[in-house]
Protein backbone atom coordinates (compact mmCIF):
# COMPACT_ATOMS: atom_id res chain seq x y z
CA MET A 1 -17.02 39.57 1.33
CA GLY A 2 -14.87 38.41 -1.02
CA ILE A 3 -12.17 36.14 -2.50
CA ALA A 4 -8.46 35.89 -1.13
CA LYS A 5 -6.39 39.03 -2.92
CA ARG A 6 -3.46 35.61 -3.24
CA ALA A 7 -5.41 33.27 -4.58
CA MET A 8 -7.31 36.40 -7.33
CA ALA A 9 -3.44 36.38 -7.98
CA ILE A 10 -3.04 32.66 -9.08
CA LYS A 11 -2.90 31.63 -12.39
CA PRO A 12 -4.92 27.61 -13.20
CA SER A 13 -1.18 24.79 -13.46
CA PRO A 14 -1.21 25.84 -17.67
CA THR A 15 -0.06 22.12 -18.09
CA LEU A 16 -3.06 20.72 -16.47
CA ALA A 17 -5.30 23.56 -17.98
CA THR A 18 -3.50 21.72 -21.79
CA ALA A 19 -4.26 18.19 -20.00
CA ALA A 20 -7.59 18.54 -19.54
CA LYS A 21 -8.56 20.33 -22.92
CA ALA A 22 -6.73 17.76 -24.72
CA LYS A 23 -9.17 15.50 -22.94
CA ALA A 24 -12.07 16.53 -23.33
CA MET A 25 -11.09 16.98 -26.89
CA LYS A 26 -11.01 12.75 -27.15
CA ALA A 27 -14.19 12.17 -25.07
CA GLN A 28 -15.67 14.27 -28.50
CA GLY A 29 -14.38 11.66 -30.56
CA ILE A 30 -11.27 14.40 -32.00
CA ASP A 31 -7.56 12.12 -32.59
CA VAL A 32 -5.47 14.38 -30.67
CA VAL A 33 -1.84 13.63 -30.17
CA ASP A 34 -0.99 14.99 -26.88
CA PHE A 35 2.28 15.92 -25.53
CA GLY A 36 1.56 18.31 -22.99
CA VAL A 37 1.16 15.19 -19.54
CA GLY A 38 3.70 15.21 -17.64
CA GLU A 39 3.68 12.08 -16.35
CA PRO A 40 5.62 8.90 -17.29
CA ASP A 41 3.04 6.45 -20.18
CA PHE A 42 4.46 3.64 -18.63
CA ASP A 43 2.56 1.19 -16.20
CA THR A 44 4.07 1.25 -12.58
CA PRO A 45 5.77 -2.13 -11.61
CA GLU A 46 4.33 -5.18 -10.50
CA ASN A 47 5.69 -6.05 -7.32
CA VAL A 48 4.65 -1.63 -6.27
CA LYS A 49 0.76 -3.05 -7.35
CA GLN A 50 1.31 -5.86 -4.99
CA ALA A 51 2.83 -3.70 -2.40
CA GLY A 52 -0.52 -1.93 -2.44
CA ILE A 53 -3.17 -4.03 -3.02
CA LYS A 54 -1.23 -6.23 -0.25
CA ALA A 55 -1.33 -3.33 2.20
CA ILE A 56 -5.29 -3.66 1.23
CA GLN A 57 -6.46 -6.98 1.61
CA SER A 58 -4.21 -6.71 5.52
CA GLY A 59 -6.27 -3.66 6.17
CA PHE A 60 -3.13 -0.97 6.21
CA THR A 61 -5.97 1.32 5.18
CA LYS A 62 -6.70 3.52 8.40
CA TYR A 63 -3.96 6.77 9.44
CA THR A 64 -0.61 7.07 9.98
CA PRO A 65 1.65 9.47 11.26
CA ALA A 66 0.82 12.38 9.92
CA GLY A 67 3.99 13.23 8.44
CA GLY A 68 4.16 9.50 7.06
CA THR A 69 5.37 5.90 7.73
CA ASP A 70 8.82 5.21 10.40
CA GLU A 71 8.72 2.35 7.27
CA LEU A 72 8.90 4.63 4.25
CA LYS A 73 11.38 7.75 6.05
CA ASP A 74 13.92 4.78 6.84
CA ALA A 75 13.17 3.93 3.14
CA VAL A 76 13.49 7.17 1.79
CA ILE A 77 17.23 7.76 4.55
CA ASP A 78 18.19 4.53 2.75
CA LYS A 79 17.65 6.14 -0.49
CA PHE A 80 19.51 8.67 0.25
CA LYS A 81 22.05 7.31 1.51
CA LYS A 82 22.99 4.94 -0.82
CA ASP A 83 22.11 7.30 -4.16
CA ASN A 84 23.38 10.75 -3.15
CA ASP A 85 25.39 10.19 -0.46
CA LEU A 86 23.23 11.98 2.10
CA ALA A 87 22.73 11.07 5.73
CA TYR A 88 19.49 12.22 7.75
CA GLU A 89 17.54 11.24 10.77
CA ARG A 90 13.82 10.32 10.59
CA SER A 91 12.88 13.64 11.72
CA GLN A 92 14.73 15.83 9.01
CA VAL A 93 12.41 14.16 6.72
CA LEU A 94 9.08 13.96 5.88
CA ILE A 95 6.13 11.99 3.45
CA SER A 96 3.34 13.69 2.02
CA CYS A 97 0.86 13.71 -1.00
CA GLY A 98 3.55 13.61 -3.88
CA ALA A 99 6.12 16.38 -4.67
CA LYS A 100 4.00 19.55 -5.19
CA HIS A 101 2.70 18.91 -1.89
CA SER A 102 6.47 19.04 -0.45
CA LEU A 103 7.67 21.91 -2.18
CA TYR A 104 3.92 23.98 -1.22
CA ASN A 105 5.49 22.91 2.85
CA ILE A 106 8.09 24.20 2.12
CA ALA A 107 6.79 27.42 1.00
CA GLU A 108 4.40 27.88 4.36
CA ALA A 109 7.30 26.90 6.39
CA LEU A 110 9.55 29.59 4.97
CA PHE A 111 8.29 32.37 3.44
CA ASP A 112 7.38 35.58 4.80
CA ALA A 113 5.60 38.01 3.15
CA GLY A 114 8.84 41.06 1.62
CA ASP A 115 11.00 37.49 1.02
CA GLU A 116 12.66 36.90 -2.07
CA VAL A 117 12.60 33.82 -3.17
CA ILE A 118 15.06 33.01 -6.56
CA ILE A 119 14.03 31.19 -9.49
CA PRO A 120 15.73 31.01 -12.22
CA ALA A 121 13.96 29.96 -15.94
CA PRO A 122 12.64 28.53 -17.66
CA TYR A 123 11.35 27.17 -14.13
CA TRP A 124 8.12 24.89 -13.27
CA VAL A 125 5.11 26.35 -13.48
CA SER A 126 3.89 26.26 -9.57
CA TYR A 127 7.66 27.70 -7.77
CA PRO A 128 5.99 31.24 -8.63
CA ASP A 129 2.47 30.65 -7.60
CA GLN A 130 3.89 28.97 -4.69
CA VAL A 131 6.20 31.49 -3.23
CA LEU A 132 3.11 33.88 -4.44
CA LEU A 133 0.45 32.41 -2.14
CA ASN A 134 2.87 32.56 0.70
CA ASP A 135 3.08 36.15 0.00
CA ALA A 136 6.78 36.52 -0.52
CA THR A 137 8.53 38.29 -4.04
CA PRO A 138 9.29 35.48 -6.65
CA VAL A 139 13.15 37.24 -8.23
CA ILE A 140 13.14 35.21 -11.86
CA VAL A 141 16.40 35.48 -13.04
CA GLU A 142 16.94 34.73 -16.77
CA THR A 143 18.90 31.56 -18.26
CA THR A 144 19.83 31.24 -21.91
CA ALA A 145 20.12 28.14 -23.97
CA GLU A 146 23.82 29.09 -24.46
CA GLU A 147 24.15 28.18 -20.87
CA GLY A 148 22.25 25.60 -20.96
CA PHE A 149 19.23 26.66 -19.23
CA THR A 150 21.04 26.58 -16.34
CA LEU A 151 22.06 29.38 -13.33
CA THR A 152 25.70 30.39 -13.38
CA ALA A 153 27.13 31.52 -10.19
CA LYS A 154 27.52 35.35 -11.20
CA LYS A 155 23.55 35.60 -11.69
CA LEU A 156 23.20 34.29 -9.01
CA GLU A 157 25.21 36.74 -6.62
CA LYS A 158 23.92 40.17 -8.86
CA ALA A 159 20.05 38.44 -7.36
CA VAL A 160 21.22 38.49 -3.97
CA THR A 161 20.02 40.60 -2.17
CA LYS A 162 19.01 41.20 1.63
CA LYS A 163 15.47 40.09 1.14
CA THR A 164 16.96 36.67 0.17
CA LYS A 165 15.30 34.15 1.75
CA ALA A 166 15.62 30.70 -0.79
CA LEU A 167 16.86 29.97 -4.48
CA VAL A 168 14.62 27.04 -6.30
CA LEU A 169 17.06 24.72 -8.38
CA ASN A 170 15.19 21.75 -10.12
CA SER A 171 17.79 19.10 -12.02
CA PRO A 172 16.84 17.60 -14.52
CA SER A 173 14.72 20.34 -15.20
CA ASN A 174 10.96 20.61 -16.58
CA PRO A 175 10.70 22.10 -18.29
CA THR A 176 14.28 21.87 -20.57
CA GLY A 177 15.07 18.38 -19.54
CA LEU A 178 18.69 19.80 -19.24
CA ALA A 179 20.88 19.02 -15.53
CA TYR A 180 23.38 21.65 -13.70
CA ASP A 181 26.80 20.09 -13.04
CA ARG A 182 28.90 19.61 -10.10
CA LYS A 183 30.84 22.11 -10.79
CA THR A 184 28.51 25.14 -11.42
CA LEU A 185 26.41 23.58 -8.02
CA GLU A 186 29.57 23.92 -6.27
CA GLU A 187 29.51 27.64 -7.59
CA ILE A 188 25.68 28.17 -6.54
CA ALA A 189 26.68 26.40 -3.18
CA ALA A 190 29.38 28.86 -1.96
CA VAL A 191 26.93 31.66 -2.97
CA ALA A 192 24.42 30.42 -0.95
CA VAL A 193 26.64 29.84 1.94
CA ARG A 194 28.09 32.81 1.78
CA HIS A 195 25.09 34.93 1.61
CA GLN A 196 22.94 32.22 4.29
CA PHE A 197 19.86 31.56 2.53
CA TYR A 198 18.51 27.95 1.59
CA VAL A 199 18.58 25.66 -1.45
CA ILE A 200 14.96 24.16 -2.20
CA SER A 201 15.99 21.47 -4.47
CA ASP A 202 14.51 19.49 -6.81
CA GLU A 203 15.37 16.27 -7.95
CA ILE A 204 12.25 14.25 -9.38
CA TYR A 205 13.65 14.24 -12.41
CA GLU A 206 16.72 12.33 -10.84
CA LYS A 207 16.61 9.22 -12.04
CA LEU A 208 15.50 9.80 -15.81
CA LEU A 209 19.20 10.31 -17.51
CA TYR A 210 20.62 10.00 -21.12
CA ASP A 211 24.21 10.15 -22.28
CA GLY A 212 26.23 9.22 -19.28
CA PHE A 213 25.21 12.33 -17.41
CA LYS A 214 25.69 11.51 -13.60
CA HIS A 215 23.32 13.71 -10.89
CA CYS A 216 24.50 15.31 -7.63
CA SER A 217 22.44 16.47 -5.51
CA ILE A 218 24.04 19.87 -4.49
CA ALA A 219 23.23 18.93 -0.35
CA SER A 220 25.98 16.30 -0.72
CA LEU A 221 28.51 19.12 -1.47
CA GLY A 222 29.71 19.56 1.88
CA LYS A 223 27.56 20.34 5.65
CA GLU A 224 27.58 23.85 5.49
CA ILE A 225 25.30 23.95 2.54
CA LYS A 226 23.26 20.60 3.82
CA ASP A 227 22.18 22.95 6.71
CA LEU A 228 21.11 25.42 4.29
CA THR A 229 19.20 22.39 1.75
CA ILE A 230 15.86 21.44 1.47
CA VAL A 231 15.54 18.16 -1.12
CA VAL A 232 12.77 16.81 -2.63
CA ASN A 233 11.77 13.75 -4.21
CA GLY A 234 9.31 11.42 -4.90
CA VAL A 235 8.45 8.02 -6.96
CA SER A 236 6.27 9.40 -9.05
CA LYS A 237 8.61 9.82 -12.43
CA SER A 238 11.12 7.78 -10.93
CA HIS A 239 8.83 4.35 -11.12
CA ALA A 240 5.62 5.76 -13.17
CA MET A 241 3.64 6.54 -9.91
CA THR A 242 2.05 9.93 -10.40
CA GLY A 243 -1.65 8.45 -9.03
CA TRP A 244 0.03 6.94 -6.40
CA ARG A 245 0.68 11.07 -4.65
CA ILE A 246 3.76 9.92 -2.41
CA GLY A 247 6.65 12.99 -2.57
CA TYR A 248 9.25 13.19 0.01
CA ALA A 249 11.51 15.91 1.58
CA ALA A 250 14.76 15.71 3.61
CA GLY A 251 17.13 18.28 5.22
CA PRO A 252 17.41 20.67 8.64
CA LYS A 253 15.55 19.49 11.51
CA ASP A 254 13.08 22.72 12.54
CA VAL A 255 12.67 23.27 8.56
CA LEU A 256 11.05 19.59 8.87
CA SER A 257 9.69 19.99 11.78
CA ALA A 258 7.27 22.94 11.23
CA MET A 259 6.26 21.65 7.21
CA ALA A 260 5.80 18.17 9.71
CA ASN A 261 3.38 20.59 11.34
CA ILE A 262 1.86 22.29 9.35
CA GLN A 263 1.05 19.07 7.02
CA SER A 264 -0.46 17.91 9.63
CA GLN A 265 -3.14 20.74 9.73
CA SER A 266 -3.22 20.41 6.35
CA THR A 267 -3.72 17.07 4.22
CA SER A 268 -2.04 15.29 8.10
CA ASN A 269 -0.97 11.82 6.29
CA PRO A 270 -0.92 10.38 3.14
CA CYS A 271 -1.85 7.67 1.41
CA SER A 272 -1.36 4.84 3.84
CA ILE A 273 -1.86 2.73 0.96
CA SER A 274 0.26 4.29 -1.39
CA GLN A 275 2.61 4.78 1.28
CA LYS A 276 2.66 1.09 1.24
CA ALA A 277 3.68 0.43 -2.54
CA ALA A 278 5.75 3.11 -2.10
CA VAL A 279 8.03 1.47 0.12
CA GLU A 280 8.07 -1.48 -2.75
CA ALA A 281 9.70 1.18 -5.07
CA LEU A 282 12.19 2.31 -3.11
CA ARG A 283 13.41 -0.86 -1.54
CA GLY A 284 12.74 -3.36 -4.67
CA PRO A 285 14.18 -4.68 -8.14
CA GLN A 286 15.51 -1.22 -9.63
CA ALA A 287 15.70 -2.76 -13.30
CA PHE A 288 11.89 -0.97 -14.28
CA ILE A 289 13.87 2.32 -14.30
CA ALA A 290 16.31 1.13 -17.07
CA THR A 291 14.15 -0.15 -19.07
CA MET A 292 11.73 3.09 -19.68
CA ASN A 293 15.31 4.65 -19.97
CA VAL A 294 16.27 3.08 -22.90
CA GLU A 295 12.76 3.63 -24.53
CA PHE A 296 12.79 6.55 -23.49
CA ASP A 297 16.06 7.47 -25.01
CA LYS A 298 14.76 6.89 -28.39
CA ARG A 299 11.98 9.18 -28.35
CA ARG A 300 14.57 11.71 -26.80
CA ARG A 301 16.92 11.54 -30.48
CA PHE A 302 13.76 11.30 -32.13
CA MET A 303 11.82 13.82 -31.98
CA VAL A 304 15.14 16.50 -30.61
CA ASP A 305 16.07 15.23 -34.58
CA ARG A 306 12.69 15.73 -35.87
CA LEU A 307 12.31 18.71 -34.34
CA ASN A 308 15.63 20.17 -35.67
CA ALA A 309 14.84 19.69 -38.94
CA MET A 310 12.30 21.88 -38.99
CA LYS A 311 12.57 25.54 -40.62
CA GLY A 312 12.64 27.83 -37.93
CA VAL A 313 12.91 25.35 -35.01
CA THR A 314 16.07 25.03 -32.79
CA CYS A 315 16.30 22.82 -30.31
CA LEU A 316 18.60 21.39 -27.73
CA MET A 317 19.72 17.86 -26.58
CA PRO A 318 17.97 17.45 -22.52
CA VAL A 319 20.20 14.47 -20.99
CA GLY A 320 17.06 14.29 -18.35
CA ALA A 321 13.46 14.09 -17.35
CA PHE A 322 11.27 13.61 -20.39
CA TYR A 323 10.86 16.75 -22.39
CA ALA A 324 11.96 19.13 -25.53
CA PHE A 325 11.80 22.11 -25.41
CA PRO A 326 12.62 23.82 -29.05
CA ASP A 327 13.04 27.19 -29.46
CA VAL A 328 10.07 28.50 -31.76
CA SER A 329 10.03 32.45 -31.88
CA ARG A 330 11.51 32.96 -35.94
CA LEU A 331 7.97 31.34 -36.03
CA PHE A 332 6.19 34.55 -34.54
CA GLY A 333 4.69 37.31 -36.80
CA LYS A 334 3.68 34.13 -39.46
CA SER A 335 0.08 34.57 -40.48
CA VAL A 336 -2.58 31.34 -41.43
CA ASN A 337 -5.63 31.21 -41.83
CA GLY A 338 -5.95 35.46 -40.99
CA LYS A 339 -4.33 34.38 -38.00
CA THR A 340 -1.38 36.11 -36.78
CA ILE A 341 0.91 34.12 -34.33
CA ARG A 342 2.35 36.22 -31.58
CA GLY A 343 3.78 34.75 -29.62
CA SER A 344 3.83 30.83 -27.94
CA ALA A 345 0.27 30.69 -26.60
CA ASP A 346 -1.18 31.81 -29.89
CA LEU A 347 1.04 28.80 -31.35
CA ALA A 348 0.18 26.37 -28.89
CA ALA A 349 -3.28 27.38 -29.62
CA TYR A 350 -2.84 27.34 -33.54
CA LEU A 351 -1.26 23.01 -33.24
CA LEU A 352 -4.01 22.56 -30.61
CA GLU A 353 -7.02 23.62 -32.55
CA ASP A 354 -5.91 22.91 -36.58
CA ALA A 355 -3.45 20.12 -35.41
CA GLN A 356 -4.71 18.03 -33.34
CA VAL A 357 -1.47 18.13 -31.34
CA ALA A 358 -1.48 19.34 -27.95
CA LEU A 359 1.73 21.03 -26.01
CA VAL A 360 2.14 23.80 -23.59
CA SER A 361 3.46 27.14 -24.46
CA GLY A 362 6.64 28.30 -23.39
CA ASP A 363 5.61 31.47 -21.70
CA ALA A 364 3.73 29.56 -18.97
CA PHE A 365 7.85 28.63 -17.69
CA GLY A 366 8.95 32.20 -18.52
CA ALA A 367 10.56 31.66 -21.74
CA GLU A 368 8.03 33.26 -24.52
CA ALA A 369 10.55 32.16 -27.13
CA TYR A 370 9.65 28.13 -26.64
CA ILE A 371 7.17 25.30 -26.77
CA ARG A 372 7.58 22.59 -24.41
CA LEU A 373 6.67 18.65 -25.60
CA SER A 374 7.13 15.67 -23.66
CA TYR A 375 7.90 12.69 -25.31
CA ALA A 376 6.33 10.45 -22.53
CA THR A 377 4.42 8.71 -25.08
CA SER A 378 4.72 6.59 -27.60
CA MET A 379 6.26 5.89 -30.54
CA GLU A 380 3.77 6.08 -33.15
CA ASN A 381 2.10 8.64 -30.94
CA ILE A 382 5.70 11.13 -31.36
CA GLN A 383 5.72 10.70 -35.11
CA LYS A 384 2.56 11.34 -36.01
CA GLY A 385 2.48 14.30 -33.57
CA LEU A 386 5.23 14.86 -35.04
CA ASP A 387 4.02 14.96 -38.47
CA ARG A 388 1.10 17.05 -38.30
CA ILE A 389 3.49 19.95 -35.89
CA GLU A 390 5.58 19.85 -39.74
CA LYS A 391 2.98 20.32 -41.89
CA ALA A 392 1.15 23.27 -39.18
CA PHE A 393 4.25 24.80 -39.44
CA SER A 394 4.84 24.52 -43.34
CA ARG A 395 1.26 26.69 -44.25
CA LEU A 396 2.80 29.93 -41.81
CA GLN A 397 3.16 31.98 -44.24
C-alpha cells in the first residue's frame, strides 16, 4: 500500500506555497510586502459582478453541460475571431475551471508514457509537473536574456526527437514578462509543421501588453499550424477574475472532444454562476483592461528602474503580464549574519525572513539566477518592498 509514484514525484506549487507563507506571516501581525502573487490587485469589474449576482438571483445555479454553456462557448468563439482572426466551432471549444485546468486537460488528452514535451525555460511552474503527472517526459530547453527569454527555431529543432509530442509556448510569459514576435512564431510554426507535433499556446496574459507590443497567436499563422495548436486562455488575468475559475481552450476537434470527455469524468462543468459572469466579461465593455494596463505600466517602469539601480542586479523591461524577472546571480556567494546565499531559494528565504518581502525564487521556473517579483500590487507596496530589498541587499557581504 502507498501513494502512486506519479504523485510522489510532484512538488507543491512554489508560487502558492510562497503566498501561503506570506499570508501566515500576515496573520501573525507581520507587515509583509507580497511580490509573489500572480493575480491582478484590481477588483472584478462591476458589470461582471452584477452578471454573477443576476445569475444567482435568477436561479442559474444548477449543472450546465460538462464542457460549458453554449452561450459562453459562443462568446469565446467571437473573442477568438475578433482578437485573433481564428475561426472555431462549438465542438472545438472547452470551458474549464481556470486556464490551469485547461492545460491539465490537454496533458491528459495528449500525453502517454514515452512522449516528450518541449518546454522553454524559464517556464511557468506547473508545465513540467503536468507533463510528469501524465507519465510523459518534459524536455527543458534553456533560453537566455540575450534572446529575450524566447525559444529560437534553431534550439527547438535541436530538441526535437521522434518522441516529441508537443511544445508548450507561453506568450506573454510568466515569469519573464517577455513575449514572442510574429517572425519568431512563424519560424517555430515551420518546425512544428515539418515534424508534426502539437503546440500548446498559453495566451492567458494576452491582454496585458505595453510599449505597443502586438500579441500574435501562433494558431493564426495558417491552417497547418492551426490544426496542430491548442490555444489556452481565460478571464482570470484580463478581467481580474482569478477566483471565478474560468478558463477555455480551442483547437482540433478530436483533441477537444477527448478533453471534454476527461473533464466530464473529473470536475464536470465549471461553475454556472462564473460562466454567466465570463460571458459579460467577454461581451461587455472592455475599457477596464486599458485602465488596468495604464496602472500596471507605471508600476512596471518604476519597479524595473529601481531594480536596475541596485548593485548586483540586472532586469530586462517586460512587455507583458505583471512580473519583473531580475538576474541576481551576482549576489550568490555573499553572506549575512553567518548565512551564505547559495542560490535563488536562499535569497528568497532571506528576503522573506529578514526583510519581510515575499517573492518567488527562480529555481521554481527553471532559472536559478533569477527571482520573480509581481507588480500586481499598489505603488505604495512596491516602493516599500523595493526599499526593503535594497536595504537587505546592501547588508550582503
